[in-house]
Amino acid sequence: MKNIDNMGKKITAGDGLHVYGSFGRGVDYTVRLVLKMKDEVDGDMLRDALRKTEQRYPYFSVHLCKNDTEYYYEANPAPIALLHTDRQITLNAPESNGHVWAVCYQDNRLFLDFYHGIADGTGMYRVLATLLYYYCNARYGVTDHEGIFTLEDPILPEETIDPLDLLPVMDLSKMPAQKRDAAFLITDDGGAKPCAPIITDIEIPESAFVRFSSASDASPGTMVSLLFTRAIDARYPNREKMIKAGYVVNGRPMLHAPASHHNCITTMRYDYSERLKNMSFDRQCTALRGMTFVQSDEDYVQKSMTVMSSMYKGFLAMPGPVEEKEKAFGQMMAGGRQFITHVVSYVGQWKQKAIGSYIDEFWTHVPAAIEFASEISAINGKIGLSIHQKFEDDELMELFFRQLEENGIPYTLKAKISPDVPHFQKPE
């Protein structure tokens, strides 16, 4: 195995917003992937699987540190922590051996806790696939590891390269100012009562939902985005501002960086204009697909991500104390909230079916960074829809459920909980 030294590793352009911005806003920017396994988790087998997994991803064995001017990663030789608990843990802290990720388990549930400042959903899924392969290999004799990074595979330099670092730096002062209209916000504009974050997990049969989506010329991600947009429109019909939806997708294909572990996401934007609202449902689906095709065009994505990376690089290069970078990125993160009503994210269907057959449920719980967001997972014939909200409004959820019912899509409410994503200890 190739030894990768992370000592003094700087924060990259793609990760800068997630690291500095989260501290600037005081948000635990972490993710918990929750899996309900077919059987009770064997702790000894899981520990062996974790040891093999951490060997495959040495660049994740790090501790986030800080000096007067910047955050950076130092190599962490301690083992990745395996904790026999289902409670919220703290990363970058003693209980996680100072690491930015950890694995927990309790009864038949397995949890992968990860810092979003070092990887996005695609990067986290990759680690999860390796962990589950080694666990299922020992527990059930699974040998198929096609598409999974294992110890048999060399660690490629491309895995640690952030493609945003390689994009050219634009002179943003010469770009014409872009005026963007603020989006309708459920709390600020709709009057919904803010509350502590809530996560609602909904299970939907994948066959029924995909059949419905395909018949309507939609993907699962665009369909969920449209259904929530329509629910918000029905709940808050008297608006001065437009509903603006965001659909987060993997930008690696457009940046030709399939192996990178860094944050390589881009957001499609869907404005629910009067023209779109007045279309039939199937035409709305087609319109969103068209918007997706345009905004996922390689040239379009590279241009937009070059603009964003130029801004990130400018902030990272700012002189002065680290708090100034936190403030700049934090303001950028907070300002972005004004231009989006709700967000949907879908990493994609779980591809390793030999492993998936041993998983009953899969949920993606994310940071409470915006007021309304949905995360989609798909495994073993089931869609796991985790809805995150920071306001009280049962009627809005009922309007979403009613659309599922009207279209013959069964669903099951599995859980309604407070956030369980890990805390993240800020470096002193």
Protein backbone atom coordinates (compact mmCIF):
# COMPACT_ATOMS: atom_id res chain seq x y z
CA MET A 1 0.00 0.00 0.00
CA LYS A 2 1.19 3.48 -0.82
CA ASN A 3 1.93 5.62 2.21
CA ILE A 4 0.34 9.08 1.97
CA ASP A 5 1.67 11.68 4.37
CA ASN A 6 -1.01 14.22 5.39
CA MET A 7 1.19 16.21 7.76
CA GLY A 8 0.33 19.87 7.42
CA LYS A 9 -2.16 19.28 4.59
CA LYS A 10 -3.91 22.51 3.61
CA ILE A 11 -7.66 22.88 3.17
CA THR A 12 -8.51 22.67 -0.53
CA ALA A 13 -10.73 24.97 -2.57
CA GLY A 14 -13.58 22.46 -2.72
CA ASP A 15 -13.55 21.93 1.04
CA GLY A 16 -12.98 25.53 2.15
CA LEU A 17 -16.63 26.57 2.39
CA HIS A 18 -17.54 23.48 4.42
CA VAL A 19 -14.68 23.93 6.90
CA TYR A 20 -14.49 27.68 7.42
CA GLY A 21 -18.15 28.40 6.67
CA SER A 22 -19.46 25.87 9.18
CA PHE A 23 -17.30 27.33 11.96
CA GLY A 24 -18.34 30.82 10.90
CA ARG A 25 -21.98 29.84 11.34
CA GLY A 26 -21.52 27.58 14.34
CA VAL A 27 -22.89 24.47 12.58
CA ASP A 28 -21.72 20.88 13.09
CA TYR A 29 -21.03 20.16 9.42
CA THR A 30 -21.20 16.40 9.72
CA VAL A 31 -23.18 13.50 8.27
CA ARG A 32 -24.50 10.27 9.78
CA LEU A 33 -25.25 7.39 7.41
CA VAL A 34 -27.67 5.09 9.21
CA LEU A 35 -28.08 1.45 8.18
CA LYS A 36 -30.43 -1.13 9.63
CA MET A 37 -28.84 -4.50 8.90
CA LYS A 38 -30.67 -7.79 8.44
CA ASP A 39 -29.04 -9.21 11.55
CA GLU A 40 -27.49 -7.96 14.77
CA VAL A 41 -24.11 -6.38 14.07
CA ASP A 42 -21.10 -8.48 15.05
CA GLY A 43 -18.75 -6.01 16.75
CA ASP A 44 -15.60 -8.10 16.29
CA MET A 45 -16.19 -8.57 12.58
CA LEU A 46 -17.01 -4.89 12.20
CA ARG A 47 -13.77 -3.95 13.98
CA ASP A 48 -11.75 -6.12 11.59
CA ALA A 49 -13.59 -4.57 8.63
CA LEU A 50 -12.86 -1.08 9.95
CA ARG A 51 -9.16 -1.79 10.32
CA LYS A 52 -8.97 -2.88 6.68
CA THR A 53 -11.03 0.12 5.57
CA GLU A 54 -8.83 2.66 7.34
CA GLN A 55 -5.78 1.09 5.67
CA ARG A 56 -7.41 1.63 2.27
CA TYR A 57 -8.11 5.32 2.97
CA PRO A 58 -5.03 6.62 4.85
CA TYR A 59 -5.77 10.17 3.68
CA PHE A 60 -8.83 10.18 5.96
CA SER A 61 -6.74 9.33 9.04
CA VAL A 62 -6.31 12.96 10.02
CA HIS A 63 -7.02 15.45 12.77
CA LEU A 64 -8.20 18.97 11.96
CA CYS A 65 -5.91 21.58 13.49
CA LYS A 66 -5.66 25.37 13.53
CA ASN A 67 -2.96 28.00 13.73
CA ASP A 68 -3.33 31.78 13.76
CA THR A 69 -4.12 32.05 10.05
CA GLU A 70 -5.65 28.80 8.83
CA TYR A 71 -7.10 25.34 9.44
CA TYR A 72 -5.14 22.32 8.24
CA TYR A 73 -5.00 18.55 8.65
CA GLU A 74 -2.31 16.58 10.45
CA ALA A 75 -1.81 12.85 10.05
CA ASN A 76 -3.37 10.91 12.92
CA PRO A 77 -1.76 7.52 13.68
CA ALA A 78 -4.43 6.48 16.20
CA PRO A 79 -6.96 3.86 15.03
CA ILE A 80 -10.33 4.99 13.71
CA ALA A 81 -12.77 4.67 16.60
CA LEU A 82 -15.41 1.94 16.73
CA LEU A 83 -18.05 2.84 19.32
CA HIS A 84 -20.76 0.49 20.59
CA THR A 85 -23.48 3.13 20.82
CA ASP A 86 -26.24 4.80 18.82
CA ARG A 87 -25.98 8.20 20.52
CA GLN A 88 -24.54 11.36 19.03
CA ILE A 89 -20.76 11.31 19.23
CA THR A 90 -18.13 14.01 18.78
CA LEU A 91 -15.60 13.89 15.96
CA ASN A 92 -12.13 15.46 16.05
CA ALA A 93 -12.28 14.76 19.79
CA PRO A 94 -10.87 12.20 22.27
CA GLU A 95 -13.84 9.81 21.97
CA SER A 96 -13.18 9.49 18.22
CA ASN A 97 -9.41 9.26 18.80
CA GLY A 98 -9.17 12.74 17.31
CA HIS A 99 -10.33 11.53 13.89
CA VAL A 100 -12.75 13.22 11.50
CA TRP A 101 -14.77 10.03 11.02
CA ALA A 102 -15.86 7.08 13.12
CA VAL A 103 -18.08 3.98 13.04
CA CYS A 104 -20.78 3.19 15.60
CA TYR A 105 -23.15 0.26 16.03
CA GLN A 106 -26.00 -0.80 18.27
CA ASP A 107 -28.07 -3.99 17.95
CA ASN A 108 -28.77 -4.33 14.20
CA ARG A 109 -27.88 -0.73 13.32
CA LEU A 110 -24.60 0.49 11.86
CA PHE A 111 -23.61 4.16 11.65
CA LEU A 112 -20.91 5.87 9.61
CA ASP A 113 -20.22 9.32 11.08
CA PHE A 114 -18.22 11.63 8.80
CA TYR A 115 -17.01 15.21 8.61
CA HIS A 116 -18.43 16.95 5.54
CA GLY A 117 -15.38 19.23 5.49
CA ILE A 118 -13.22 16.46 4.01
CA ALA A 119 -15.66 14.54 1.77
CA ASP A 120 -19.06 14.84 0.13
CA GLY A 121 -21.70 12.13 -0.15
CA THR A 122 -19.93 10.33 -2.98
CA GLY A 123 -16.70 10.23 -0.98
CA MET A 124 -18.50 8.96 2.13
CA TYR A 125 -20.42 6.30 0.19
CA ARG A 126 -17.11 5.02 -1.16
CA VAL A 127 -15.76 4.47 2.37
CA LEU A 128 -19.06 2.89 3.42
CA ALA A 129 -18.94 0.45 0.50
CA THR A 130 -15.45 -0.70 1.50
CA LEU A 131 -16.46 -1.08 5.15
CA LEU A 132 -19.61 -3.04 4.28
CA TYR A 133 -17.75 -5.27 1.83
CA TYR A 134 -15.20 -6.37 4.41
CA TYR A 135 -17.92 -6.79 7.02
CA CYS A 136 -20.24 -8.77 4.75
CA ASN A 137 -17.31 -10.81 3.49
CA ALA A 138 -16.62 -11.98 7.05
CA ARG A 139 -20.28 -12.18 8.18
CA TYR A 140 -21.94 -13.66 5.09
CA GLY A 141 -19.17 -14.77 2.74
CA VAL A 142 -19.74 -12.02 0.15
CA THR A 143 -16.88 -12.01 -2.38
CA ASP A 144 -18.14 -9.65 -5.09
CA HIS A 145 -16.35 -6.31 -4.70
CA GLU A 146 -16.72 -4.93 -8.22
CA GLY A 147 -16.70 -1.14 -8.09
CA ILE A 148 -15.48 -1.09 -4.47
CA PHE A 149 -12.07 0.20 -3.40
CA THR A 150 -10.30 -2.58 -1.50
CA LEU A 151 -6.77 -3.27 -0.28
CA GLU A 152 -6.15 -5.03 -3.58
CA ASP A 153 -6.48 -1.70 -5.40
CA PRO A 154 -3.61 0.81 -5.48
CA ILE A 155 -4.27 4.19 -3.89
CA LEU A 156 -4.27 6.57 -6.83
CA PRO A 157 -2.96 10.14 -6.58
CA GLU A 158 -6.26 11.21 -8.16
CA GLU A 159 -8.08 10.21 -4.98
CA THR A 160 -6.52 13.06 -3.00
CA ILE A 161 -6.52 15.74 -5.71
CA ASP A 162 -9.26 18.36 -5.47
CA PRO A 163 -10.32 19.21 -9.04
CA LEU A 164 -11.38 22.68 -7.90
CA ASP A 165 -7.74 23.39 -7.05
CA LEU A 166 -6.89 22.75 -10.71
CA LEU A 167 -9.46 25.15 -12.15
CA PRO A 168 -8.11 28.52 -13.32
CA VAL A 169 -8.51 31.59 -11.13
CA MET A 170 -10.79 34.20 -12.66
CA ASP A 171 -10.54 37.92 -12.07
CA LEU A 172 -13.98 38.29 -10.50
CA SER A 173 -13.70 42.08 -10.39
CA LYS A 174 -14.14 42.13 -14.16
CA MET A 175 -17.30 40.05 -14.10
CA PRO A 176 -20.58 41.98 -14.39
CA ALA A 177 -22.59 41.99 -11.17
CA GLN A 178 -25.35 39.40 -11.22
CA LYS A 179 -28.64 40.37 -9.63
CA ARG A 180 -30.48 37.42 -8.13
CA ASP A 181 -33.94 37.64 -6.68
CA ALA A 182 -34.32 36.25 -3.19
CA ALA A 183 -36.29 33.03 -2.84
CA PHE A 184 -39.46 32.42 -0.86
CA LEU A 185 -38.46 31.17 2.60
CA ILE A 186 -40.90 29.10 4.63
CA THR A 187 -40.07 30.82 7.91
CA ASP A 188 -39.16 34.37 6.91
CA ASP A 189 -41.85 34.78 4.25
CA GLY A 190 -44.36 32.01 4.98
CA GLY A 191 -44.53 32.69 8.70
CA ALA A 192 -43.86 29.11 9.79
CA LYS A 193 -42.64 28.96 13.37
CA PRO A 194 -38.90 28.22 13.61
CA CYS A 195 -38.03 25.28 15.81
CA ALA A 196 -35.19 22.96 16.71
CA PRO A 197 -34.21 20.78 13.72
CA ILE A 198 -36.38 17.74 12.99
CA ILE A 199 -35.54 14.72 10.80
CA THR A 200 -38.36 12.62 9.35
CA ASP A 201 -37.49 9.30 7.71
CA ILE A 202 -39.94 8.03 5.08
CA GLU A 203 -39.65 4.65 3.33
CA ILE A 204 -41.04 4.27 -0.21
CA PRO A 205 -41.00 1.13 -2.39
CA GLU A 206 -38.44 1.87 -5.09
CA SER A 207 -40.32 0.04 -7.86
CA ALA A 208 -43.49 2.11 -7.35
CA PHE A 209 -41.67 5.41 -7.16
CA VAL A 210 -39.35 4.76 -10.11
CA ARG A 211 -42.26 3.55 -12.21
CA PHE A 212 -44.18 6.74 -11.42
CA SER A 213 -41.12 8.96 -12.00
CA SER A 214 -40.19 7.31 -15.28
CA ALA A 215 -43.75 7.55 -16.57
CA SER A 216 -43.65 11.26 -15.81
CA ASP A 217 -40.27 11.80 -17.52
CA ALA A 218 -38.56 12.44 -14.18
CA SER A 219 -35.76 10.99 -12.07
CA PRO A 220 -36.28 10.23 -8.36
CA GLY A 221 -34.37 13.39 -7.44
CA THR A 222 -36.22 15.77 -9.71
CA MET A 223 -39.53 14.13 -8.77
CA VAL A 224 -39.01 14.67 -5.03
CA SER A 225 -37.92 18.23 -5.76
CA LEU A 226 -41.07 18.92 -7.78
CA LEU A 227 -43.44 17.28 -5.27
CA PHE A 228 -42.07 19.39 -2.44
CA THR A 229 -42.21 22.52 -4.60
CA ARG A 230 -45.87 21.82 -5.37
CA ALA A 231 -46.57 21.16 -1.69
CA ILE A 232 -44.98 24.49 -0.70
CA ASP A 233 -46.95 26.26 -3.44
CA ALA A 234 -50.22 24.75 -2.18
CA ARG A 235 -49.42 25.56 1.44
CA TYR A 236 -48.31 29.14 0.79
CA PRO A 237 -50.20 30.29 -2.34
CA ASN A 238 -50.03 34.02 -1.61
CA ARG A 239 -46.38 34.81 -2.19
CA GLU A 240 -44.43 37.77 -3.42
CA LYS A 241 -41.24 35.73 -3.86
CA MET A 242 -40.70 32.74 -6.11
CA ILE A 243 -40.14 29.21 -4.82
CA LYS A 244 -36.60 28.25 -5.80
CA ALA A 245 -35.54 24.63 -5.48
CA GLY A 246 -32.01 23.26 -5.46
CA TYR A 247 -30.95 19.79 -6.59
CA VAL A 248 -27.44 18.80 -5.45
CA VAL A 249 -25.55 16.50 -7.81
CA ASN A 250 -22.07 15.03 -8.18
CA GLY A 251 -19.80 17.28 -10.26
CA ARG A 252 -16.99 14.75 -10.71
CA PRO A 253 -18.04 13.58 -14.20
CA MET A 254 -18.04 17.16 -15.51
CA LEU A 255 -14.64 17.87 -13.90
CA HIS A 256 -13.16 14.55 -15.07
CA ALA A 257 -12.22 13.65 -11.51
CA PRO A 258 -14.08 10.40 -10.72
CA ALA A 259 -11.73 9.29 -7.92
CA SER A 260 -11.51 12.50 -5.87
CA HIS A 261 -12.73 12.32 -2.27
CA HIS A 262 -13.15 16.09 -1.90
CA ASN A 263 -16.37 18.09 -2.04
CA CYS A 264 -17.19 18.12 -5.75
CA ILE A 265 -20.87 18.99 -5.76
CA THR A 266 -22.84 21.37 -7.91
CA THR A 267 -26.41 22.56 -7.49
CA MET A 268 -29.08 22.64 -10.17
CA ARG A 269 -31.60 25.43 -9.63
CA TYR A 270 -35.29 25.21 -10.45
CA ASP A 271 -37.32 28.44 -10.33
CA TYR A 272 -41.05 27.74 -9.93
CA SER A 273 -42.20 30.52 -12.24
CA GLU A 274 -45.84 31.23 -13.06
CA ARG A 275 -45.27 29.69 -16.48
CA LEU A 276 -43.97 26.47 -14.93
CA LYS A 277 -46.73 26.45 -12.31
CA ASN A 278 -49.42 26.67 -15.00
CA MET A 279 -48.10 23.63 -16.88
CA SER A 280 -49.60 20.16 -16.47
CA PHE A 281 -47.81 17.86 -14.04
CA ASP A 282 -46.08 15.81 -16.75
CA ARG A 283 -44.96 18.99 -18.53
CA GLN A 284 -43.53 20.28 -15.25
CA CYS A 285 -41.52 17.06 -14.92
CA THR A 286 -40.22 17.42 -18.46
CA ALA A 287 -39.30 21.05 -17.84
CA LEU A 288 -37.26 20.13 -14.75
CA ARG A 289 -35.48 17.39 -16.67
CA GLY A 290 -34.64 19.95 -19.35
CA MET A 291 -33.28 22.36 -16.75
CA THR A 292 -31.19 19.52 -15.34
CA PHE A 293 -29.72 18.66 -18.73
CA VAL A 294 -28.76 22.28 -19.38
CA GLN A 295 -27.24 22.83 -15.94
CA SER A 296 -25.34 19.53 -15.95
CA ASP A 297 -23.67 20.29 -19.28
CA GLU A 298 -19.91 19.94 -18.86
CA ASP A 299 -19.05 23.45 -20.09
CA TYR A 300 -21.80 24.98 -17.94
CA VAL A 301 -20.64 23.18 -14.79
CA GLN A 302 -16.96 23.89 -15.36
CA LYS A 303 -17.67 27.58 -15.85
CA SER A 304 -19.87 27.90 -12.76
CA MET A 305 -17.47 25.90 -10.59
CA THR A 306 -14.55 27.99 -11.85
CA VAL A 307 -16.34 31.10 -10.63
CA MET A 308 -17.09 29.52 -7.24
CA SER A 309 -13.59 28.09 -6.81
CA SER A 310 -12.09 31.48 -7.62
CA MET A 311 -14.12 32.99 -4.78
CA TYR A 312 -13.06 30.19 -2.41
CA LYS A 313 -9.41 30.58 -3.34
CA GLY A 314 -9.64 34.31 -2.75
CA PHE A 315 -11.03 33.76 0.75
CA LEU A 316 -8.43 31.08 1.55
CA ALA A 317 -5.64 33.44 0.51
CA MET A 318 -6.87 36.29 2.72
CA PRO A 319 -4.20 37.58 5.12
CA GLY A 320 -4.95 38.03 8.78
CA PRO A 321 -6.37 35.80 11.51
CA VAL A 322 -8.30 32.62 10.84
CA GLU A 323 -11.45 34.27 12.16
CA GLU A 324 -11.50 36.54 9.10
CA LYS A 325 -11.73 33.53 6.81
CA GLU A 326 -14.48 32.06 9.02
CA LYS A 327 -16.41 35.30 8.75
CA ALA A 328 -16.07 35.55 4.96
CA PHE A 329 -17.06 31.93 4.31
CA GLY A 330 -19.78 32.08 6.97
CA GLN A 331 -21.36 35.13 5.36
CA MET A 332 -21.22 33.43 1.99
CA MET A 333 -22.91 30.32 3.39
CA ALA A 334 -25.58 32.37 5.17
CA GLY A 335 -26.14 34.57 2.13
CA GLY A 336 -26.73 31.56 -0.09
CA ARG A 337 -29.68 30.63 2.13
CA GLN A 338 -31.60 33.64 0.81
CA PHE A 339 -31.71 32.24 -2.71
CA ILE A 340 -33.09 28.77 -2.15
CA THR A 341 -36.37 27.53 -0.67
CA HIS A 342 -35.54 23.86 -0.32
CA VAL A 343 -32.84 21.42 -1.40
CA VAL A 344 -32.87 17.80 -2.55
CA SER A 345 -29.77 15.60 -2.70
CA TYR A 346 -29.48 12.10 -4.18
CA VAL A 347 -26.13 10.33 -4.43
CA GLY A 348 -27.72 7.56 -6.50
CA GLN A 349 -28.88 4.00 -6.18
CA TRP A 350 -26.64 1.67 -4.19
CA LYS A 351 -24.76 -0.28 -6.84
CA GLN A 352 -23.35 -3.24 -4.88
CA LYS A 353 -26.36 -5.55 -4.80
CA ALA A 354 -24.51 -8.42 -3.09
CA ILE A 355 -24.04 -6.14 -0.06
CA GLY A 356 -27.39 -4.39 -0.35
CA SER A 357 -29.31 -7.61 0.19
CA TYR A 358 -28.16 -7.59 3.83
CA ILE A 359 -29.42 -4.05 4.50
CA ASP A 360 -33.05 -3.38 5.47
CA GLU A 361 -32.93 0.42 5.75
CA PHE A 362 -30.56 3.21 4.71
CA TRP A 363 -30.91 6.84 5.84
CA THR A 364 -28.76 9.90 5.18
CA HIS A 365 -28.83 12.49 7.96
CA VAL A 366 -27.08 15.79 7.22
CA PRO A 367 -26.18 19.10 8.92
CA ALA A 368 -28.93 21.53 9.92
CA ALA A 369 -27.50 24.20 7.64
CA ILE A 370 -30.68 25.29 5.81
CA GLU A 371 -34.32 25.28 6.86
CA PHE A 372 -35.66 22.57 4.51
CA ALA A 373 -33.71 19.77 2.84
CA SER A 374 -34.32 16.20 1.68
CA GLU A 375 -31.79 13.40 1.29
CA ILE A 376 -32.58 10.35 -0.86
CA SER A 377 -31.02 6.91 -0.64
CA ALA A 378 -31.98 3.78 -2.59
CA ILE A 379 -31.00 0.25 -1.60
CA ASN A 380 -32.48 -3.25 -1.64
CA GLY A 381 -35.65 -2.16 -3.40
CA LYS A 382 -36.40 0.68 -0.98
CA ILE A 383 -36.07 4.46 -1.15
CA GLY A 384 -35.12 6.14 2.09
CA LEU A 385 -36.25 9.77 2.15
CA SER A 386 -34.85 11.77 5.07
CA ILE A 387 -36.57 15.14 5.38
CA HIS A 388 -34.80 17.83 7.42
CA GLN A 389 -36.68 20.91 8.61
CA LYS A 390 -36.19 23.78 11.03
CA PHE A 391 -39.81 24.92 11.31
CA GLU A 392 -43.16 23.66 12.56
CA ASP A 393 -45.65 22.92 9.77
CA ASP A 394 -47.42 19.56 9.75
CA GLU A 395 -49.75 20.70 6.97
CA LEU A 396 -46.88 21.07 4.51
CA MET A 397 -45.83 17.47 5.11
CA GLU A 398 -49.43 16.31 4.72
CA LEU A 399 -49.61 18.03 1.34
CA PHE A 400 -46.50 16.14 0.26
CA PHE A 401 -47.92 12.83 1.49
CA ARG A 402 -51.22 13.54 -0.28
CA GLN A 403 -49.40 13.81 -3.60
CA LEU A 404 -47.83 10.40 -3.02
CA GLU A 405 -51.25 8.94 -2.20
CA GLU A 406 -52.92 10.54 -5.21
CA ASN A 407 -50.34 8.94 -7.47
CA GLY A 408 -50.65 5.49 -5.91
CA ILE A 409 -47.26 5.57 -4.15
CA PRO A 410 -47.26 3.82 -0.75
CA TYR A 411 -45.05 5.17 2.00
CA THR A 412 -44.24 4.39 5.62
CA LEU A 413 -43.26 6.89 8.29
CA LYS A 414 -40.30 5.17 9.97
CA ALA A 415 -39.01 7.82 12.38
CA LYS A 416 -39.31 11.43 13.48
CA ILE A 417 -36.25 12.41 15.50
CA SER A 418 -33.96 15.18 16.61
CA PRO A 419 -30.69 15.37 14.64
CA ASP A 420 -28.25 12.56 15.39
CA VAL A 421 -25.35 13.78 13.24
CA PRO A 422 -22.11 13.93 15.23
CA HIS A 423 -20.82 17.04 16.90
CA PHE A 424 -17.47 18.31 15.65
CA GLN A 425 -14.91 19.67 18.08
CA LYS A 426 -13.46 22.92 16.80
CA PRO A 427 -9.68 23.07 17.06
CA GLU A 428 -8.36 25.39 19.77
